[in-house]
ModelCIF file with pLDDT and N, C-alpha, C, O atoms, coordinates in Angstrom:
data_MODEL
#
_entry.id   MODEL 
#
_entity.id                         1 
_entity.type                       polymer 
_entity.pdbx_number_of_molecules   1 
#
_entity_poly.entity_id                      1 
_entity_poly.type                           'polypeptide(L)' 
_entity_poly.nstd_linkage                   no 
_entity_poly.nstd_monomer                   no 
_entity_poly.pdbx_seq_one_letter_code       EGTRPVRGPNYDADQGHVIVSRNGRHLADLRPEKRLYRVQRDVMTQAA 
_entity_poly.pdbx_seq_one_letter_code_can   EGTRPVRGPNYDADQGHVIVSRNGRHLADLRPEKRLYRVQRDVMTQAA 
_entity_poly.pdbx_strand_id                 A 
#
loop_
_entity_poly_seq.entity_id 
_entity_poly_seq.num 
_entity_poly_seq.mon_id 
_entity_poly_seq.hetero 
1 1  GLU n 
1 2  GLY n 
1 3  THR n 
1 4  ARG n 
1 5  PRO n 
1 6  VAL n 
1 7  ARG n 
1 8  GLY n 
1 9  PRO n 
1 10 ASN n 
1 11 TYR n 
1 12 ASP n 
1 13 ALA n 
1 14 ASP n 
1 15 GLN n 
1 16 GLY n 
1 17 HIS n 
1 18 VAL n 
1 19 ILE n 
1 20 VAL n 
1 21 SER n 
1 22 ARG n 
1 23 ASN n 
1 24 GLY n 
1 25 ARG n 
1 26 HIS n 
1 27 LEU n 
1 28 ALA n 
1 29 ASP n 
1 30 LEU n 
1 31 ARG n 
1 32 PRO n 
1 33 GLU n 
1 34 LYS n 
1 35 ARG n 
1 36 LEU n 
1 37 TYR n 
1 38 ARG n 
1 39 VAL n 
1 40 GLN n 
1 41 ARG n 
1 42 ASP n 
1 43 VAL n 
1 44 MET n 
1 45 THR n 
1 46 GLN n 
1 47 ALA n 
1 48 ALA n 
#
_struct_asym.id          A 
_struct_asym.entity_id   1 
#
loop_
_ma_qa_metric.id 
_ma_qa_metric.mode 
_ma_qa_metric.name 
_ma_qa_metric.software_group_id 
_ma_qa_metric.type 
1 global pLDDT . pLDDT 
2 local  pLDDT . pLDDT 
#
_ma_qa_metric_global.metric_id      1 
_ma_qa_metric_global.metric_value   92.90 
_ma_qa_metric_global.model_id       1 
_ma_qa_metric_global.ordinal_id     1 
#
loop_
_ma_qa_metric_local.label_asym_id 
_ma_qa_metric_local.label_comp_id 
_ma_qa_metric_local.label_seq_id 
_ma_qa_metric_local.metric_id 
_ma_qa_metric_local.metric_value 
_ma_qa_metric_local.model_id 
_ma_qa_metric_local.ordinal_id 
A GLU 1  2 95.00 1 1  
A GLY 2  2 94.00 1 2  
A THR 3  2 94.00 1 3  
A ARG 4  2 95.00 1 4  
A PRO 5  2 95.00 1 5  
A VAL 6  2 95.00 1 6  
A ARG 7  2 93.00 1 7  
A GLY 8  2 90.00 1 8  
A PRO 9  2 89.00 1 9  
A ASN 10 2 88.00 1 10 
A TYR 11 2 92.00 1 11 
A ASP 12 2 94.00 1 12 
A ALA 13 2 95.00 1 13 
A ASP 14 2 95.00 1 14 
A GLN 15 2 96.00 1 15 
A GLY 16 2 96.00 1 16 
A HIS 17 2 97.00 1 17 
A VAL 18 2 97.00 1 18 
A ILE 19 2 96.00 1 19 
A VAL 20 2 96.00 1 20 
A SER 21 2 95.00 1 21 
A ARG 22 2 94.00 1 22 
A ASN 23 2 92.00 1 23 
A GLY 24 2 90.00 1 24 
A ARG 25 2 94.00 1 25 
A HIS 26 2 95.00 1 26 
A LEU 27 2 94.00 1 27 
A ALA 28 2 94.00 1 28 
A ASP 29 2 96.00 1 29 
A LEU 30 2 96.00 1 30 
A ARG 31 2 96.00 1 31 
A PRO 32 2 95.00 1 32 
A GLU 33 2 94.00 1 33 
A LYS 34 2 93.00 1 34 
A ARG 35 2 93.00 1 35 
A LEU 36 2 93.00 1 36 
A TYR 37 2 92.00 1 37 
A ARG 38 2 90.00 1 38 
A VAL 39 2 87.00 1 39 
A GLN 40 2 85.00 1 40 
A ARG 41 2 88.00 1 41 
A ASP 42 2 87.00 1 42 
A VAL 43 2 90.00 1 43 
A MET 44 2 89.00 1 44 
A THR 45 2 89.00 1 45 
A GLN 46 2 90.00 1 46 
A ALA 47 2 92.00 1 47 
A ALA 48 2 94.00 1 48 
#
loop_
_atom_site.group_PDB 
_atom_site.id 
_atom_site.type_symbol 
_atom_site.label_atom_id 
_atom_site.label_alt_id 
_atom_site.label_comp_id 
_atom_site.label_asym_id 
_atom_site.label_entity_id 
_atom_site.label_seq_id 
_atom_site.pdbx_PDB_ins_code 
_atom_site.Cartn_x 
_atom_site.Cartn_y 
_atom_site.Cartn_z 
_atom_site.occupancy 
_atom_site.B_iso_or_equiv 
_atom_site.pdbx_formal_charge 
_atom_site.auth_seq_id 
_atom_site.auth_comp_id 
_atom_site.auth_asym_id 
_atom_site.auth_atom_id 
_atom_site.pdbx_PDB_model_num 
ATOM 1   N N  . GLU A 1 1  ? 68.791 161.917 51.789 1.00 95.00 ? 1  GLU A N  1 
ATOM 2   C CA . GLU A 1 1  ? 69.500 163.178 51.963 1.00 95.00 ? 1  GLU A CA 1 
ATOM 3   C C  . GLU A 1 1  ? 69.946 163.793 50.642 1.00 95.00 ? 1  GLU A C  1 
ATOM 4   O O  . GLU A 1 1  ? 70.626 164.819 50.639 1.00 95.00 ? 1  GLU A O  1 
ATOM 5   N N  . GLY A 1 2  ? 69.576 163.185 49.529 1.00 94.00 ? 2  GLY A N  1 
ATOM 6   C CA . GLY A 1 2  ? 69.961 163.714 48.234 1.00 94.00 ? 2  GLY A CA 1 
ATOM 7   C C  . GLY A 1 2  ? 71.126 162.947 47.614 1.00 94.00 ? 2  GLY A C  1 
ATOM 8   O O  . GLY A 1 2  ? 71.549 161.916 48.135 1.00 94.00 ? 2  GLY A O  1 
ATOM 9   N N  . THR A 1 3  ? 71.637 163.456 46.505 1.00 94.00 ? 3  THR A N  1 
ATOM 10  C CA . THR A 1 3  ? 72.743 162.812 45.793 1.00 94.00 ? 3  THR A CA 1 
ATOM 11  C C  . THR A 1 3  ? 73.883 163.808 45.603 1.00 94.00 ? 3  THR A C  1 
ATOM 12  O O  . THR A 1 3  ? 73.703 165.021 45.718 1.00 94.00 ? 3  THR A O  1 
ATOM 13  N N  . ARG A 1 4  ? 75.059 163.261 45.308 1.00 95.00 ? 4  ARG A N  1 
ATOM 14  C CA . ARG A 1 4  ? 76.216 164.086 44.969 1.00 95.00 ? 4  ARG A CA 1 
ATOM 15  C C  . ARG A 1 4  ? 76.980 163.394 43.852 1.00 95.00 ? 4  ARG A C  1 
ATOM 16  O O  . ARG A 1 4  ? 76.959 162.166 43.768 1.00 95.00 ? 4  ARG A O  1 
ATOM 17  N N  . PRO A 1 5  ? 77.654 164.151 42.992 1.00 95.00 ? 5  PRO A N  1 
ATOM 18  C CA . PRO A 1 5  ? 78.435 163.537 41.908 1.00 95.00 ? 5  PRO A CA 1 
ATOM 19  C C  . PRO A 1 5  ? 79.714 162.897 42.447 1.00 95.00 ? 5  PRO A C  1 
ATOM 20  O O  . PRO A 1 5  ? 80.377 163.442 43.330 1.00 95.00 ? 5  PRO A O  1 
ATOM 21  N N  . VAL A 1 6  ? 80.037 161.746 41.904 1.00 95.00 ? 6  VAL A N  1 
ATOM 22  C CA . VAL A 1 6  ? 81.250 161.016 42.279 1.00 95.00 ? 6  VAL A CA 1 
ATOM 23  C C  . VAL A 1 6  ? 81.948 160.587 40.993 1.00 95.00 ? 6  VAL A C  1 
ATOM 24  O O  . VAL A 1 6  ? 81.296 160.116 40.061 1.00 95.00 ? 6  VAL A O  1 
ATOM 25  N N  . ARG A 1 7  ? 83.255 160.746 40.938 1.00 93.00 ? 7  ARG A N  1 
ATOM 26  C CA . ARG A 1 7  ? 84.011 160.355 39.759 1.00 93.00 ? 7  ARG A CA 1 
ATOM 27  C C  . ARG A 1 7  ? 84.851 159.124 40.100 1.00 93.00 ? 7  ARG A C  1 
ATOM 28  O O  . ARG A 1 7  ? 85.707 159.171 40.984 1.00 93.00 ? 7  ARG A O  1 
ATOM 29  N N  . GLY A 1 8  ? 84.598 158.023 39.388 1.00 90.00 ? 8  GLY A N  1 
ATOM 30  C CA . GLY A 1 8  ? 85.373 156.815 39.571 1.00 90.00 ? 8  GLY A CA 1 
ATOM 31  C C  . GLY A 1 8  ? 86.479 156.717 38.538 1.00 90.00 ? 8  GLY A C  1 
ATOM 32  O O  . GLY A 1 8  ? 86.633 157.620 37.716 1.00 90.00 ? 8  GLY A O  1 
ATOM 33  N N  . PRO A 1 9  ? 87.253 155.638 38.560 1.00 89.00 ? 9  PRO A N  1 
ATOM 34  C CA . PRO A 1 9  ? 88.383 155.510 37.623 1.00 89.00 ? 9  PRO A CA 1 
ATOM 35  C C  . PRO A 1 9  ? 87.952 155.491 36.166 1.00 89.00 ? 9  PRO A C  1 
ATOM 36  O O  . PRO A 1 9  ? 88.668 155.993 35.300 1.00 89.00 ? 9  PRO A O  1 
ATOM 37  N N  . ASN A 1 10 ? 86.781 154.912 35.885 1.00 88.00 ? 10 ASN A N  1 
ATOM 38  C CA . ASN A 1 10 ? 86.305 154.866 34.501 1.00 88.00 ? 10 ASN A CA 1 
ATOM 39  C C  . ASN A 1 10 ? 84.799 155.077 34.414 1.00 88.00 ? 10 ASN A C  1 
ATOM 40  O O  . ASN A 1 10 ? 84.158 154.662 33.448 1.00 88.00 ? 10 ASN A O  1 
ATOM 41  N N  . TYR A 1 11 ? 84.246 155.723 35.426 1.00 92.00 ? 11 TYR A N  1 
ATOM 42  C CA . TYR A 1 11 ? 82.810 156.004 35.423 1.00 92.00 ? 11 TYR A CA 1 
ATOM 43  C C  . TYR A 1 11 ? 82.534 157.284 36.200 1.00 92.00 ? 11 TYR A C  1 
ATOM 44  O O  . TYR A 1 11 ? 83.340 157.709 37.029 1.00 92.00 ? 11 TYR A O  1 
ATOM 45  N N  . ASP A 1 12 ? 81.380 157.893 35.920 1.00 94.00 ? 12 ASP A N  1 
ATOM 46  C CA . ASP A 1 12 ? 80.854 159.009 36.698 1.00 94.00 ? 12 ASP A CA 1 
ATOM 47  C C  . ASP A 1 12 ? 79.556 158.538 37.338 1.00 94.00 ? 12 ASP A C  1 
ATOM 48  O O  . ASP A 1 12 ? 78.788 157.804 36.717 1.00 94.00 ? 12 ASP A O  1 
ATOM 49  N N  . ALA A 1 13 ? 79.307 158.954 38.574 1.00 95.00 ? 13 ALA A N  1 
ATOM 50  C CA . ALA A 1 13 ? 78.166 158.420 39.303 1.00 95.00 ? 13 ALA A CA 1 
ATOM 51  C C  . ALA A 1 13 ? 77.435 159.507 40.063 1.00 95.00 ? 13 ALA A C  1 
ATOM 52  O O  . ALA A 1 13 ? 78.018 160.513 40.466 1.00 95.00 ? 13 ALA A O  1 
ATOM 53  N N  . ASP A 1 14 ? 76.140 159.282 40.248 1.00 95.00 ? 14 ASP A N  1 
ATOM 54  C CA . ASP A 1 14 ? 75.346 160.008 41.232 1.00 95.00 ? 14 ASP A CA 1 
ATOM 55  C C  . ASP A 1 14 ? 75.244 159.097 42.446 1.00 95.00 ? 14 ASP A C  1 
ATOM 56  O O  . ASP A 1 14 ? 74.683 158.003 42.374 1.00 95.00 ? 14 ASP A O  1 
ATOM 57  N N  . GLN A 1 15 ? 75.788 159.561 43.549 1.00 96.00 ? 15 GLN A N  1 
ATOM 58  C CA . GLN A 1 15 ? 75.785 158.752 44.766 1.00 96.00 ? 15 GLN A CA 1 
ATOM 59  C C  . GLN A 1 15 ? 74.732 159.285 45.727 1.00 96.00 ? 15 GLN A C  1 
ATOM 60  O O  . GLN A 1 15 ? 74.784 160.442 46.142 1.00 96.00 ? 15 GLN A O  1 
ATOM 61  N N  . GLY A 1 16 ? 73.782 158.434 46.073 1.00 96.00 ? 16 GLY A N  1 
ATOM 62  C CA . GLY A 1 16 ? 72.752 158.828 47.023 1.00 96.00 ? 16 GLY A CA 1 
ATOM 63  C C  . GLY A 1 16 ? 73.222 158.663 48.453 1.00 96.00 ? 16 GLY A C  1 
ATOM 64  O O  . GLY A 1 16 ? 74.200 157.968 48.728 1.00 96.00 ? 16 GLY A O  1 
ATOM 65  N N  . HIS A 1 17 ? 72.512 159.310 49.352 1.00 97.00 ? 17 HIS A N  1 
ATOM 66  C CA . HIS A 1 17 ? 72.792 159.180 50.790 1.00 97.00 ? 17 HIS A CA 1 
ATOM 67  C C  . HIS A 1 17 ? 71.460 158.935 51.490 1.00 97.00 ? 17 HIS A C  1 
ATOM 68  O O  . HIS A 1 17 ? 70.573 159.788 51.484 1.00 97.00 ? 17 HIS A O  1 
ATOM 69  N N  . VAL A 1 18 ? 71.336 157.763 52.090 1.00 97.00 ? 18 VAL A N  1 
ATOM 70  C CA . VAL A 1 18 ? 70.099 157.374 52.767 1.00 97.00 ? 18 VAL A CA 1 
ATOM 71  C C  . VAL A 1 18 ? 70.450 157.023 54.208 1.00 97.00 ? 18 VAL A C  1 
ATOM 72  O O  . VAL A 1 18 ? 71.297 156.163 54.451 1.00 97.00 ? 18 VAL A O  1 
ATOM 73  N N  . ILE A 1 19 ? 69.800 157.688 55.169 1.00 96.00 ? 19 ILE A N  1 
ATOM 74  C CA . ILE A 1 19 ? 70.012 157.424 56.590 1.00 96.00 ? 19 ILE A CA 1 
ATOM 75  C C  . ILE A 1 19 ? 68.922 156.486 57.074 1.00 96.00 ? 19 ILE A C  1 
ATOM 76  O O  . ILE A 1 19 ? 67.734 156.749 56.891 1.00 96.00 ? 19 ILE A O  1 
ATOM 77  N N  . VAL A 1 20 ? 69.338 155.381 57.698 1.00 96.00 ? 20 VAL A N  1 
ATOM 78  C CA . VAL A 1 20 ? 68.387 154.369 58.166 1.00 96.00 ? 20 VAL A CA 1 
ATOM 79  C C  . VAL A 1 20 ? 68.354 154.403 59.688 1.00 96.00 ? 20 VAL A C  1 
ATOM 80  O O  . VAL A 1 20 ? 69.394 154.428 60.346 1.00 96.00 ? 20 VAL A O  1 
ATOM 81  N N  . SER A 1 21 ? 67.147 154.404 60.230 1.00 95.00 ? 21 SER A N  1 
ATOM 82  C CA . SER A 1 21 ? 66.984 154.385 61.688 1.00 95.00 ? 21 SER A CA 1 
ATOM 83  C C  . SER A 1 21 ? 65.758 153.553 62.041 1.00 95.00 ? 21 SER A C  1 
ATOM 84  O O  . SER A 1 21 ? 64.916 153.248 61.196 1.00 95.00 ? 21 SER A O  1 
ATOM 85  N N  . ARG A 1 22 ? 65.690 153.198 63.322 1.00 94.00 ? 22 ARG A N  1 
ATOM 86  C CA . ARG A 1 22 ? 64.526 152.467 63.831 1.00 94.00 ? 22 ARG A CA 1 
ATOM 87  C C  . ARG A 1 22 ? 64.279 152.886 65.276 1.00 94.00 ? 22 ARG A C  1 
ATOM 88  O O  . ARG A 1 22 ? 65.173 152.841 66.121 1.00 94.00 ? 22 ARG A O  1 
ATOM 89  N N  . ASN A 1 23 ? 63.052 153.288 65.528 1.00 92.00 ? 23 ASN A N  1 
ATOM 90  C CA . ASN A 1 23 ? 62.684 153.757 66.867 1.00 92.00 ? 23 ASN A CA 1 
ATOM 91  C C  . ASN A 1 23 ? 63.616 154.868 67.341 1.00 92.00 ? 23 ASN A C  1 
ATOM 92  O O  . ASN A 1 23 ? 63.971 154.947 68.517 1.00 92.00 ? 23 ASN A O  1 
ATOM 93  N N  . GLY A 1 24 ? 64.004 155.727 66.392 1.00 90.00 ? 24 GLY A N  1 
ATOM 94  C CA . GLY A 1 24 ? 64.851 156.853 66.731 1.00 90.00 ? 24 GLY A CA 1 
ATOM 95  C C  . GLY A 1 24 ? 66.325 156.535 66.847 1.00 90.00 ? 24 GLY A C  1 
ATOM 96  O O  . GLY A 1 24 ? 67.117 157.441 67.107 1.00 90.00 ? 24 GLY A O  1 
ATOM 97  N N  . ARG A 1 25 ? 66.735 155.275 66.664 1.00 94.00 ? 25 ARG A N  1 
ATOM 98  C CA . ARG A 1 25 ? 68.137 154.884 66.784 1.00 94.00 ? 25 ARG A CA 1 
ATOM 99  C C  . ARG A 1 25 ? 68.763 154.761 65.404 1.00 94.00 ? 25 ARG A C  1 
ATOM 100 O O  . ARG A 1 25 ? 68.260 154.038 64.544 1.00 94.00 ? 25 ARG A O  1 
ATOM 101 N N  . HIS A 1 26 ? 69.872 155.478 65.199 1.00 95.00 ? 26 HIS A N  1 
ATOM 102 C CA . HIS A 1 26 ? 70.553 155.445 63.911 1.00 95.00 ? 26 HIS A CA 1 
ATOM 103 C C  . HIS A 1 26 ? 71.156 154.065 63.677 1.00 95.00 ? 26 HIS A C  1 
ATOM 104 O O  . HIS A 1 26 ? 71.799 153.505 64.564 1.00 95.00 ? 26 HIS A O  1 
ATOM 105 N N  . LEU A 1 27 ? 70.945 153.511 62.465 1.00 94.00 ? 27 LEU A N  1 
ATOM 106 C CA . LEU A 1 27 ? 71.444 152.175 62.138 1.00 94.00 ? 27 LEU A CA 1 
ATOM 107 C C  . LEU A 1 27 ? 72.521 152.182 61.063 1.00 94.00 ? 27 LEU A C  1 
ATOM 108 O O  . LEU A 1 27 ? 73.513 151.462 61.174 1.00 94.00 ? 27 LEU A O  1 
ATOM 109 N N  . ALA A 1 28 ? 72.335 152.989 60.026 1.00 94.00 ? 28 ALA A N  1 
ATOM 110 C CA . ALA A 1 28 ? 73.292 152.911 58.917 1.00 94.00 ? 28 ALA A CA 1 
ATOM 111 C C  . ALA A 1 28 ? 73.172 154.131 58.021 1.00 94.00 ? 28 ALA A C  1 
ATOM 112 O O  . ALA A 1 28 ? 72.138 154.797 57.984 1.00 94.00 ? 28 ALA A O  1 
ATOM 113 N N  . ASP A 1 29 ? 74.255 154.411 57.298 1.00 96.00 ? 29 ASP A N  1 
ATOM 114 C CA . ASP A 1 29 ? 74.257 155.374 56.199 1.00 96.00 ? 29 ASP A CA 1 
ATOM 115 C C  . ASP A 1 29 ? 74.502 154.588 54.921 1.00 96.00 ? 29 ASP A C  1 
ATOM 116 O O  . ASP A 1 29 ? 75.591 154.053 54.717 1.00 96.00 ? 29 ASP A O  1 
ATOM 117 N N  . LEU A 1 30 ? 73.513 154.518 54.076 1.00 96.00 ? 30 LEU A N  1 
ATOM 118 C CA . LEU A 1 30 ? 73.620 153.759 52.836 1.00 96.00 ? 30 LEU A CA 1 
ATOM 119 C C  . LEU A 1 30 ? 73.865 154.722 51.674 1.00 96.00 ? 30 LEU A C  1 
ATOM 120 O O  . LEU A 1 30 ? 73.275 155.800 51.600 1.00 96.00 ? 30 LEU A O  1 
ATOM 121 N N  . ARG A 1 31 ? 74.762 154.297 50.761 1.00 96.00 ? 31 ARG A N  1 
ATOM 122 C CA . ARG A 1 31 ? 75.142 155.161 49.646 1.00 96.00 ? 31 ARG A CA 1 
ATOM 123 C C  . ARG A 1 31 ? 75.037 154.406 48.318 1.00 96.00 ? 31 ARG A C  1 
ATOM 124 O O  . ARG A 1 31 ? 76.050 153.990 47.756 1.00 96.00 ? 31 ARG A O  1 
ATOM 125 N N  . PRO A 1 32 ? 73.821 154.232 47.826 1.00 95.00 ? 32 PRO A N  1 
ATOM 126 C CA . PRO A 1 32 ? 73.649 153.596 46.509 1.00 95.00 ? 32 PRO A CA 1 
ATOM 127 C C  . PRO A 1 32 ? 74.114 154.529 45.404 1.00 95.00 ? 32 PRO A C  1 
ATOM 128 O O  . PRO A 1 32 ? 74.147 155.747 45.578 1.00 95.00 ? 32 PRO A O  1 
ATOM 129 N N  . GLU A 1 33 ? 74.472 153.949 44.269 1.00 94.00 ? 33 GLU A N  1 
ATOM 130 C CA . GLU A 1 33 ? 74.988 154.757 43.164 1.00 94.00 ? 33 GLU A CA 1 
ATOM 131 C C  . GLU A 1 33 ? 74.289 154.413 41.856 1.00 94.00 ? 33 GLU A C  1 
ATOM 132 O O  . GLU A 1 33 ? 73.835 153.289 41.636 1.00 94.00 ? 33 GLU A O  1 
ATOM 133 N N  . LYS A 1 34 ? 74.221 155.418 41.003 1.00 93.00 ? 34 LYS A N  1 
ATOM 134 C CA . LYS A 1 34 ? 73.825 155.249 39.602 1.00 93.00 ? 34 LYS A CA 1 
ATOM 135 C C  . LYS A 1 34 ? 75.044 155.644 38.785 1.00 93.00 ? 34 LYS A C  1 
ATOM 136 O O  . LYS A 1 34 ? 75.411 156.818 38.739 1.00 93.00 ? 34 LYS A O  1 
ATOM 137 N N  . ARG A 1 35 ? 75.680 154.652 38.131 1.00 93.00 ? 35 ARG A N  1 
ATOM 138 C CA . ARG A 1 35 ? 76.950 154.890 37.446 1.00 93.00 ? 35 ARG A CA 1 
ATOM 139 C C  . ARG A 1 35 ? 76.765 154.971 35.934 1.00 93.00 ? 35 ARG A C  1 
ATOM 140 O O  . ARG A 1 35 ? 76.005 154.204 35.342 1.00 93.00 ? 35 ARG A O  1 
ATOM 141 N N  . LEU A 1 36 ? 77.471 155.909 35.330 1.00 93.00 ? 36 LEU A N  1 
ATOM 142 C CA . LEU A 1 36 ? 77.561 156.009 33.880 1.00 93.00 ? 36 LEU A CA 1 
ATOM 143 C C  . LEU A 1 36 ? 79.005 155.715 33.494 1.00 93.00 ? 36 LEU A C  1 
ATOM 144 O O  . LEU A 1 36 ? 79.906 156.496 33.800 1.00 93.00 ? 36 LEU A O  1 
ATOM 145 N N  . TYR A 1 37 ? 79.222 154.589 32.823 1.00 92.00 ? 37 TYR A N  1 
ATOM 146 C CA . TYR A 1 37 ? 80.575 154.216 32.398 1.00 92.00 ? 37 TYR A CA 1 
ATOM 147 C C  . TYR A 1 37 ? 80.929 155.011 31.150 1.00 92.00 ? 37 TYR A C  1 
ATOM 148 O O  . TYR A 1 37 ? 80.202 154.993 30.156 1.00 92.00 ? 37 TYR A O  1 
ATOM 149 N N  . ARG A 1 38 ? 82.051 155.705 31.219 1.00 90.00 ? 38 ARG A N  1 
ATOM 150 C CA . ARG A 1 38 ? 82.369 156.732 30.231 1.00 90.00 ? 38 ARG A CA 1 
ATOM 151 C C  . ARG A 1 38 ? 82.611 156.180 28.832 1.00 90.00 ? 38 ARG A C  1 
ATOM 152 O O  . ARG A 1 38 ? 82.320 156.870 27.855 1.00 90.00 ? 38 ARG A O  1 
ATOM 153 N N  . VAL A 1 39 ? 83.125 154.978 28.700 1.00 87.00 ? 39 VAL A N  1 
ATOM 154 C CA . VAL A 1 39 ? 83.456 154.451 27.378 1.00 87.00 ? 39 VAL A CA 1 
ATOM 155 C C  . VAL A 1 39 ? 82.226 153.850 26.710 1.00 87.00 ? 39 VAL A C  1 
ATOM 156 O O  . VAL A 1 39 ? 81.855 154.258 25.609 1.00 87.00 ? 39 VAL A O  1 
ATOM 157 N N  . GLN A 1 40 ? 81.597 152.888 27.365 1.00 85.00 ? 40 GLN A N  1 
ATOM 158 C CA . GLN A 1 40 ? 80.458 152.208 26.753 1.00 85.00 ? 40 GLN A CA 1 
ATOM 159 C C  . GLN A 1 40 ? 79.147 152.951 26.933 1.00 85.00 ? 40 GLN A C  1 
ATOM 160 O O  . GLN A 1 40 ? 78.142 152.611 26.308 1.00 85.00 ? 40 GLN A O  1 
ATOM 161 N N  . ARG A 1 41 ? 79.159 153.996 27.813 1.00 88.00 ? 41 ARG A N  1 
ATOM 162 C CA . ARG A 1 41 ? 77.969 154.820 28.064 1.00 88.00 ? 41 ARG A CA 1 
ATOM 163 C C  . ARG A 1 41 ? 76.824 153.996 28.644 1.00 88.00 ? 41 ARG A C  1 
ATOM 164 O O  . ARG A 1 41 ? 75.654 154.330 28.458 1.00 88.00 ? 41 ARG A O  1 
ATOM 165 N N  . ASP A 1 42 ? 77.166 152.930 29.339 1.00 87.00 ? 42 ASP A N  1 
ATOM 166 C CA . ASP A 1 42 ? 76.158 152.105 30.000 1.00 87.00 ? 42 ASP A CA 1 
ATOM 167 C C  . ASP A 1 42 ? 75.872 152.670 31.384 1.00 87.00 ? 42 ASP A C  1 
ATOM 168 O O  . ASP A 1 42 ? 76.785 153.093 32.094 1.00 87.00 ? 42 ASP A O  1 
ATOM 169 N N  . VAL A 1 43 ? 74.602 152.674 31.758 1.00 90.00 ? 43 VAL A N  1 
ATOM 170 C CA . VAL A 1 43 ? 74.190 153.115 33.086 1.00 90.00 ? 43 VAL A CA 1 
ATOM 171 C C  . VAL A 1 43 ? 73.953 151.879 33.947 1.00 90.00 ? 43 VAL A C  1 
ATOM 172 O O  . VAL A 1 43 ? 73.186 150.993 33.570 1.00 90.00 ? 43 VAL A O  1 
ATOM 173 N N  . MET A 1 44 ? 74.607 151.822 35.096 1.00 89.00 ? 44 MET A N  1 
ATOM 174 C CA . MET A 1 44 ? 74.515 150.669 35.986 1.00 89.00 ? 44 MET A CA 1 
ATOM 175 C C  . MET A 1 44 ? 74.074 151.122 37.372 1.00 89.00 ? 44 MET A C  1 
ATOM 176 O O  . MET A 1 44 ? 74.389 152.224 37.821 1.00 89.00 ? 44 MET A O  1 
ATOM 177 N N  . THR A 1 45 ? 73.342 150.247 38.026 1.00 89.00 ? 45 THR A N  1 
ATOM 178 C CA . THR A 1 45 ? 72.887 150.505 39.388 1.00 89.00 ? 45 THR A CA 1 
ATOM 179 C C  . THR A 1 45 ? 73.770 149.757 40.375 1.00 89.00 ? 45 THR A C  1 
ATOM 180 O O  . THR A 1 45 ? 73.964 148.548 40.247 1.00 89.00 ? 45 THR A O  1 
ATOM 181 N N  . GLN A 1 46 ? 74.299 150.462 41.345 1.00 90.00 ? 46 GLN A N  1 
ATOM 182 C CA . GLN A 1 46 ? 75.095 149.848 42.413 1.00 90.00 ? 46 GLN A CA 1 
ATOM 183 C C  . GLN A 1 46 ? 74.298 149.984 43.704 1.00 90.00 ? 46 GLN A C  1 
ATOM 184 O O  . GLN A 1 46 ? 74.230 151.063 44.292 1.00 90.00 ? 46 GLN A O  1 
ATOM 185 N N  . ALA A 1 47 ? 73.699 148.884 44.136 1.00 92.00 ? 47 ALA A N  1 
ATOM 186 C CA . ALA A 1 47 ? 72.859 148.929 45.331 1.00 92.00 ? 47 ALA A CA 1 
ATOM 187 C C  . ALA A 1 47 ? 73.711 149.091 46.579 1.00 92.00 ? 47 ALA A C  1 
ATOM 188 O O  . ALA A 1 47 ? 74.900 148.772 46.582 1.00 92.00 ? 47 ALA A O  1 
ATOM 189 N N  . ALA A 1 48 ? 73.095 149.584 47.628 1.00 94.00 ? 48 ALA A N  1 
ATOM 190 C CA . ALA A 1 48 ? 73.724 149.663 48.949 1.00 94.00 ? 48 ALA A CA 1 
ATOM 191 C C  . ALA A 1 48 ? 72.944 148.751 49.885 1.00 94.00 ? 48 ALA A C  1 
ATOM 192 O O  . ALA A 1 48 ? 73.281 148.644 51.064 1.00 94.00 ? 48 ALA A O  1 
#
């Protein structure tokens, strides 16, 4: 469903939105993130 910006206490993130279904039945909304930590400028992956 795309991504949206999210601001954490010490990082900025792009948060994805993935809808999971099976045989037409909704199962979950997963929200993985790609985080940029503002001080060290490290990019981290937060799986869902």
